[in-house]
Amino acid sequence: MNNQDAIRHLFINDVISHKTFQALIKKDERLKAKQAKEVRQASVTGVVERHLESLEPGKLFKHRTVWEAVGRDDFTRDEVLTALQACKENSLVEQVRKGPNNFQVFWTRCLNDEADPEQGE
């Protein structure tokens, strides 16, 4: 039994009012939409991470370059930007501002492998 079936069961058995029934159905639909969005975003983030691994560390790139590389028709601009921000939180990329406006925002892949050569010496 899914959530909406359970809500209908409560309504049919006069446990909840019609107003509560409608409110719960709307809330369930919002939660399903939110979960679907989170699943899609996780998928987009995975695709973006795989693309970022192919980029040269330290080289600057724009958000649009990544968006076009992973598929402009497949993903929205905001999904790719959110994926880049998630990668930033995971220290995979850094954001570089070359000026005061948003048109001068660049990204660069972090040099995560710097510690490895030092350990070998």
Protein backbone atom coordinates (compact mmCIF):
# COMPACT_ATOMS: atom_id res chain seq x y z
CA MET A 1 0.00 0.00 0.00
CA ASN A 2 1.49 3.35 -1.00
CA ASN A 3 0.93 6.67 0.78
CA GLN A 4 -1.98 7.77 -1.37
CA ASP A 5 -3.76 4.44 -0.91
CA ALA A 6 -3.34 4.76 2.84
CA ILE A 7 -4.69 8.33 2.76
CA ARG A 8 -7.68 7.21 0.67
CA HIS A 9 -8.31 4.35 3.12
CA LEU A 10 -8.38 6.83 6.03
CA PHE A 11 -10.75 9.12 4.13
CA ILE A 12 -13.11 6.33 3.10
CA ASN A 13 -13.29 5.13 6.71
CA ASP A 14 -14.09 8.68 7.94
CA VAL A 15 -10.86 8.97 9.93
CA ILE A 16 -9.86 12.19 8.17
CA SER A 17 -11.91 14.99 6.62
CA HIS A 18 -12.03 15.83 2.92
CA LYS A 19 -9.93 18.95 3.54
CA THR A 20 -7.26 16.89 5.33
CA PHE A 21 -7.45 14.27 2.58
CA GLN A 22 -6.73 16.88 -0.11
CA ALA A 23 -3.92 18.45 1.93
CA LEU A 24 -2.23 15.08 2.50
CA ILE A 25 -2.52 14.09 -1.16
CA LYS A 26 -0.91 17.40 -2.20
CA LYS A 27 1.86 16.94 0.35
CA ASP A 28 2.51 13.39 -0.87
CA GLU A 29 2.73 14.63 -4.49
CA ARG A 30 5.20 17.35 -3.46
CA LEU A 31 7.33 14.81 -1.61
CA LYS A 32 7.35 12.47 -4.63
CA ALA A 33 8.39 15.36 -6.89
CA LYS A 34 11.15 16.34 -4.46
CA GLN A 35 12.45 12.77 -4.30
CA ALA A 36 12.43 12.47 -8.09
CA LYS A 37 14.34 15.76 -8.35
CA GLU A 38 16.94 14.52 -5.84
CA VAL A 39 17.40 11.25 -7.74
CA ARG A 40 17.82 13.13 -11.02
CA GLN A 41 20.28 15.56 -9.43
CA ALA A 42 22.37 12.66 -8.11
CA SER A 43 22.47 11.26 -11.65
CA VAL A 44 23.51 14.62 -13.11
CA THR A 45 26.20 15.03 -10.45
CA GLY A 46 27.62 11.62 -11.37
CA VAL A 47 27.81 12.55 -15.06
CA VAL A 48 29.44 15.91 -14.24
CA GLU A 49 31.98 14.25 -11.91
CA ARG A 50 32.98 11.79 -14.64
CA HIS A 51 33.47 14.69 -17.07
CA LEU A 52 35.49 16.67 -14.53
CA GLU A 53 37.86 13.74 -14.07
CA SER A 54 38.81 14.06 -17.73
CA LEU A 55 39.81 17.71 -17.32
CA GLU A 56 43.35 18.87 -16.63
CA PRO A 57 43.81 19.95 -12.98
CA GLY A 58 44.46 23.66 -12.59
CA LYS A 59 43.04 24.63 -16.00
CA LEU A 60 40.19 27.17 -15.90
CA PHE A 61 36.85 26.40 -17.48
CA LYS A 62 33.37 27.92 -17.50
CA HIS A 63 30.14 26.36 -16.34
CA ARG A 64 28.80 26.47 -19.88
CA THR A 65 31.70 24.33 -21.14
CA VAL A 66 30.75 21.55 -18.73
CA TRP A 67 27.06 21.94 -19.55
CA GLU A 68 27.72 21.57 -23.27
CA ALA A 69 30.08 18.62 -22.71
CA VAL A 70 27.62 16.60 -20.61
CA GLY A 71 24.64 17.41 -22.80
CA ARG A 72 22.81 20.69 -23.02
CA ASP A 73 19.67 18.94 -24.22
CA ASP A 74 19.87 16.28 -21.52
CA PHE A 75 20.37 18.49 -18.45
CA THR A 76 19.32 21.96 -17.40
CA ARG A 77 21.76 24.75 -16.67
CA ASP A 78 20.73 24.76 -13.00
CA GLU A 79 21.22 20.99 -12.65
CA VAL A 80 24.78 21.27 -13.95
CA LEU A 81 25.49 24.28 -11.74
CA THR A 82 24.15 22.43 -8.69
CA ALA A 83 26.36 19.47 -9.63
CA LEU A 84 29.39 21.77 -9.85
CA GLN A 85 28.55 23.22 -6.44
CA ALA A 86 28.32 19.68 -5.00
CA CYS A 87 31.71 18.92 -6.53
CA LYS A 88 33.02 22.11 -4.93
CA GLU A 89 31.83 20.88 -1.52
CA ASN A 90 33.65 17.58 -2.18
CA SER A 91 36.85 19.52 -3.07
CA LEU A 92 36.85 18.22 -6.63
CA VAL A 93 36.65 21.74 -8.11
CA GLU A 94 37.17 25.32 -6.99
CA GLN A 95 35.38 28.46 -8.09
CA VAL A 96 37.59 31.30 -9.36
CA ARG A 97 36.22 34.83 -9.71
CA LYS A 98 38.11 36.99 -12.18
CA GLY A 99 35.86 40.01 -11.68
CA PRO A 100 32.85 41.39 -9.84
CA ASN A 101 30.12 40.00 -12.09
CA ASN A 102 28.83 36.49 -12.74
CA PHE A 103 30.18 36.46 -16.29
CA GLN A 104 33.69 36.30 -14.90
CA VAL A 105 33.22 33.17 -12.78
CA PHE A 106 35.46 30.27 -13.71
CA TRP A 107 36.00 26.81 -12.28
CA THR A 108 39.12 24.70 -11.98
CA ARG A 109 39.69 21.10 -11.06
CA CYS A 110 41.55 20.83 -7.77
CA LEU A 111 45.01 19.35 -7.58
CA ASN A 112 44.06 16.48 -5.24
CA ASP A 113 47.06 14.36 -6.20
CA GLU A 114 49.62 16.83 -4.81
CA ALA A 115 50.09 14.91 -1.55
CA ASP A 116 50.98 11.61 -3.27
CA PRO A 117 54.42 12.68 -4.66
CA GLU A 118 55.42 14.05 -1.25
CA GLN A 119 54.65 10.73 0.42
CA GLY A 120 56.94 8.89 -2.00
CA GLU A 121 59.98 11.07 -1.18
